[in-house]
Amino acid sequence: MLQCKVCGRPKPTITWKGPDQNILDSDNSSATYTVSSCDSGEITLKICNLMPQDSGIYTCIATNDHGTASTSATVKVQGVPAAPNRPIAQERSCTSVILRWLPPASTGNCTISGYTVEYREEDLSPGCPYQFRVSASNPWGISLPSEPSEFVRLPEYGESHQAYDPCVVEASTRPTLLDTLAAQCHISPS
């Protein structure tokens, strides 16, 4: 809820503008906000079901024959991040896979605190195919998982290995098992 106190003679008309600077019309049946006022001059903007995209500057504008006055407030809505992009296997060995992925398009207006990498088997075994997916987390929760990676087959012992790239995150061969459906390891950004 945002409130502003308005007084003036003649009584001012009140307009609220949202982050896109469009006038907020509470008479609109699809509006997610309501505007109310009381005789003491307090004007309240109540925004329902806030989402991170509702973040921005909200302005209360009072206008009468003598001029215009306004006050603004910045609203920052935080929430769970969006899913990261699909992971891509950059390098693999007999017992490990190095994955790359792009961060989520929306961080929920918070810093990403870590990523969870999931795969279907309990251990990484040579010669077996795997699919991976990634979730992002912030203080508000964990995102939906990414789209699964392409199938990745780990080389058999003795097959050649690709060069190591230190700029990517490596999923260990013994991730912490967080549930019975998927093996997972939690990776914190450095």
Protein backbone atom coordinates (compact mmCIF):
# COMPACT_ATOMS: atom_id res chain seq x y z
CA MET A 1 0.00 0.00 0.00
CA LEU A 2 1.17 3.48 -0.86
CA GLN A 3 -0.34 6.53 0.82
CA CYS A 4 -0.14 10.25 0.22
CA LYS A 5 -1.80 13.08 2.12
CA VAL A 6 -3.50 15.71 -0.06
CA CYS A 7 -5.15 18.98 0.96
CA GLY A 8 -6.12 22.07 -1.01
CA ARG A 9 -8.92 24.39 -2.00
CA PRO A 10 -10.61 23.78 -4.27
CA LYS A 11 -10.36 20.07 -3.54
CA PRO A 12 -7.68 18.60 -5.85
CA THR A 13 -8.27 15.75 -8.27
CA ILE A 14 -5.92 12.85 -7.67
CA THR A 15 -4.13 10.77 -10.27
CA TRP A 16 -1.75 7.86 -9.70
CA LYS A 17 0.88 6.92 -12.27
CA GLY A 18 2.64 3.56 -12.36
CA PRO A 19 6.22 2.62 -13.23
CA ASP A 20 5.55 3.03 -16.95
CA GLN A 21 4.17 6.55 -16.21
CA ASN A 22 0.72 5.53 -17.47
CA ILE A 23 -2.26 6.66 -15.41
CA LEU A 24 -3.54 3.91 -13.14
CA ASP A 25 -7.25 3.47 -13.75
CA SER A 26 -8.84 1.63 -10.81
CA ASP A 27 -12.17 1.52 -12.69
CA ASN A 28 -10.61 -0.97 -15.11
CA SER A 29 -12.08 -4.42 -14.36
CA SER A 30 -8.71 -6.12 -14.90
CA ALA A 31 -6.83 -3.70 -12.61
CA THR A 32 -4.72 -5.27 -9.88
CA TYR A 33 -4.94 -2.16 -7.72
CA THR A 34 -7.48 0.01 -5.97
CA VAL A 35 -7.44 3.69 -5.05
CA SER A 36 -9.30 4.92 -1.98
CA SER A 37 -9.50 8.24 -0.18
CA CYS A 38 -10.87 9.54 3.09
CA ASP A 39 -12.09 12.96 4.26
CA SER A 40 -8.78 13.65 6.03
CA GLY A 41 -7.06 13.76 2.61
CA GLU A 42 -5.28 10.41 2.79
CA ILE A 43 -5.17 8.74 -0.62
CA THR A 44 -4.24 5.04 -0.69
CA LEU A 45 -3.05 2.98 -3.63
CA LYS A 46 -3.34 -0.73 -2.89
CA ILE A 47 -1.57 -3.02 -5.36
CA CYS A 48 -2.67 -6.66 -5.27
CA ASN A 49 -0.69 -9.73 -6.29
CA LEU A 50 2.59 -7.87 -6.71
CA MET A 51 5.11 -9.33 -9.13
CA PRO A 52 8.75 -8.28 -9.73
CA GLN A 53 7.63 -6.55 -12.97
CA ASP A 54 5.50 -4.20 -10.81
CA SER A 55 8.72 -2.65 -9.48
CA GLY A 56 9.34 1.01 -10.24
CA ILE A 57 8.33 4.55 -9.34
CA TYR A 58 4.70 5.25 -8.42
CA THR A 59 3.56 8.88 -8.37
CA CYS A 60 0.56 10.52 -6.69
CA ILE A 61 -0.41 13.74 -8.49
CA ALA A 62 -2.81 16.31 -7.01
CA THR A 63 -4.18 19.01 -9.34
CA ASN A 64 -6.53 21.97 -8.78
CA ASP A 65 -6.99 25.48 -10.22
CA HIS A 66 -3.89 26.71 -8.38
CA GLY A 67 -1.46 24.13 -9.72
CA THR A 68 -0.09 20.64 -9.40
CA ALA A 69 1.83 18.86 -6.64
CA SER A 70 3.20 15.35 -6.69
CA THR A 71 5.06 12.84 -4.57
CA SER A 72 6.66 9.57 -5.61
CA ALA A 73 7.77 6.33 -4.06
CA THR A 74 9.95 3.57 -5.41
CA VAL A 75 8.61 0.04 -5.08
CA LYS A 76 10.98 -2.89 -5.43
CA VAL A 77 9.16 -6.21 -5.57
CA GLN A 78 11.31 -9.24 -4.90
CA GLY A 79 10.47 -12.84 -5.64
CA VAL A 80 11.68 -16.24 -6.76
CA PRO A 81 13.97 -16.14 -9.81
CA ALA A 82 13.00 -17.43 -13.24
CA ALA A 83 14.50 -20.70 -14.46
CA PRO A 84 18.06 -20.52 -15.80
CA ASN A 85 18.71 -21.29 -19.45
CA ARG A 86 19.19 -24.87 -20.60
CA PRO A 87 22.55 -26.28 -19.45
CA ILE A 88 25.11 -27.35 -22.03
CA ALA A 89 27.78 -29.98 -21.36
CA GLN A 90 31.09 -28.33 -22.27
CA GLU A 91 33.43 -31.06 -21.17
CA ARG A 92 33.14 -34.58 -19.82
CA SER A 93 35.36 -37.24 -18.35
CA CYS A 94 34.63 -40.76 -17.15
CA THR A 95 33.32 -39.49 -13.80
CA SER A 96 32.48 -35.80 -14.24
CA VAL A 97 30.72 -33.31 -16.48
CA ILE A 98 31.36 -29.58 -16.76
CA LEU A 99 28.16 -27.68 -17.51
CA ARG A 100 27.53 -24.10 -18.65
CA TRP A 101 24.27 -22.17 -18.47
CA LEU A 102 23.13 -18.59 -18.64
CA PRO A 103 21.59 -17.07 -15.51
CA PRO A 104 17.83 -16.52 -15.31
CA ALA A 105 16.30 -13.69 -17.34
CA SER A 106 14.74 -12.47 -14.07
CA THR A 107 16.56 -12.75 -10.76
CA GLY A 108 13.43 -11.71 -8.84
CA ASN A 109 15.20 -8.39 -8.09
CA CYS A 110 17.59 -10.25 -5.74
CA THR A 111 21.09 -11.62 -6.00
CA ILE A 112 21.21 -15.26 -7.05
CA SER A 113 22.64 -17.14 -4.06
CA GLY A 114 23.24 -20.47 -5.77
CA TYR A 115 22.30 -23.06 -8.35
CA THR A 116 21.12 -26.64 -8.01
CA VAL A 117 22.17 -29.12 -10.69
CA GLU A 118 20.01 -32.24 -11.05
CA TYR A 119 20.49 -35.45 -12.98
CA ARG A 120 18.67 -38.77 -13.02
CA GLU A 121 21.27 -41.27 -11.82
CA GLU A 122 22.81 -41.54 -8.35
CA ASP A 123 26.40 -41.60 -9.61
CA LEU A 124 28.08 -40.58 -12.84
CA SER A 125 29.17 -43.79 -14.54
CA PRO A 126 31.34 -44.17 -17.66
CA GLY A 127 29.48 -44.91 -20.90
CA CYS A 128 26.05 -43.92 -19.53
CA PRO A 129 23.82 -41.16 -20.95
CA TYR A 130 22.55 -38.39 -18.65
CA GLN A 131 20.38 -35.32 -18.81
CA PHE A 132 20.91 -32.34 -16.53
CA ARG A 133 18.77 -29.41 -15.45
CA VAL A 134 19.51 -26.36 -13.31
CA SER A 135 17.49 -24.31 -10.80
CA ALA A 136 18.47 -20.90 -9.39
CA SER A 137 17.89 -19.81 -5.81
CA ASN A 138 17.71 -16.49 -4.01
CA PRO A 139 16.50 -15.51 -0.51
CA TRP A 140 12.86 -15.90 -1.67
CA GLY A 141 13.11 -19.45 -2.95
CA ILE A 142 14.12 -21.77 -5.75
CA SER A 143 13.18 -21.28 -9.39
CA LEU A 144 11.51 -23.81 -11.60
CA PRO A 145 14.12 -26.04 -13.24
CA SER A 146 15.60 -25.20 -16.62
CA GLU A 147 14.81 -27.16 -19.72
CA PRO A 148 16.81 -30.41 -19.58
CA SER A 149 20.14 -30.57 -21.36
CA GLU A 150 20.74 -32.68 -24.42
CA PHE A 151 21.65 -36.25 -23.49
CA VAL A 152 25.30 -36.44 -22.43
CA ARG A 153 27.24 -39.71 -22.63
CA LEU A 154 30.24 -40.00 -20.37
CA PRO A 155 33.30 -41.48 -22.10
CA GLU A 156 34.50 -44.96 -21.15
CA TYR A 157 37.75 -45.23 -19.19
CA GLY A 158 40.63 -44.70 -21.60
CA GLU A 159 38.73 -42.46 -24.10
CA SER A 160 40.28 -39.04 -24.72
CA HIS A 161 39.19 -36.08 -22.56
CA GLN A 162 38.57 -32.49 -23.65
CA ALA A 163 40.69 -29.66 -22.21
CA TYR A 164 39.61 -28.23 -18.85
CA ASP A 165 38.13 -24.72 -18.82
CA PRO A 166 38.47 -23.14 -15.33
CA CYS A 167 35.68 -20.61 -16.02
CA VAL A 168 32.87 -23.14 -15.66
CA VAL A 169 31.33 -25.02 -12.75
CA GLU A 170 32.01 -28.71 -12.32
CA ALA A 171 29.39 -31.06 -10.91
CA SER A 172 31.13 -33.45 -8.55
CA THR A 173 30.88 -37.22 -8.85
CA ARG A 174 29.27 -37.43 -5.41
CA PRO A 175 26.56 -34.76 -5.17
CA THR A 176 24.42 -34.50 -2.05
CA LEU A 177 21.22 -36.48 -2.50
CA LEU A 178 18.36 -34.08 -1.68
CA ASP A 179 15.44 -36.24 -2.71
CA THR A 180 14.75 -39.69 -4.11
CA LEU A 181 13.83 -38.49 -7.61
CA ALA A 182 17.06 -36.82 -8.63
CA ALA A 183 20.60 -36.50 -7.45
CA GLN A 184 21.47 -32.86 -6.88
CA CYS A 185 24.43 -30.73 -5.91
CA HIS A 186 24.19 -27.09 -4.81
CA ILE A 187 26.69 -24.70 -6.39
CA SER A 188 27.28 -21.21 -5.00
CA PRO A 189 28.48 -18.49 -7.38
CA SER A 190 32.04 -17.32 -6.71
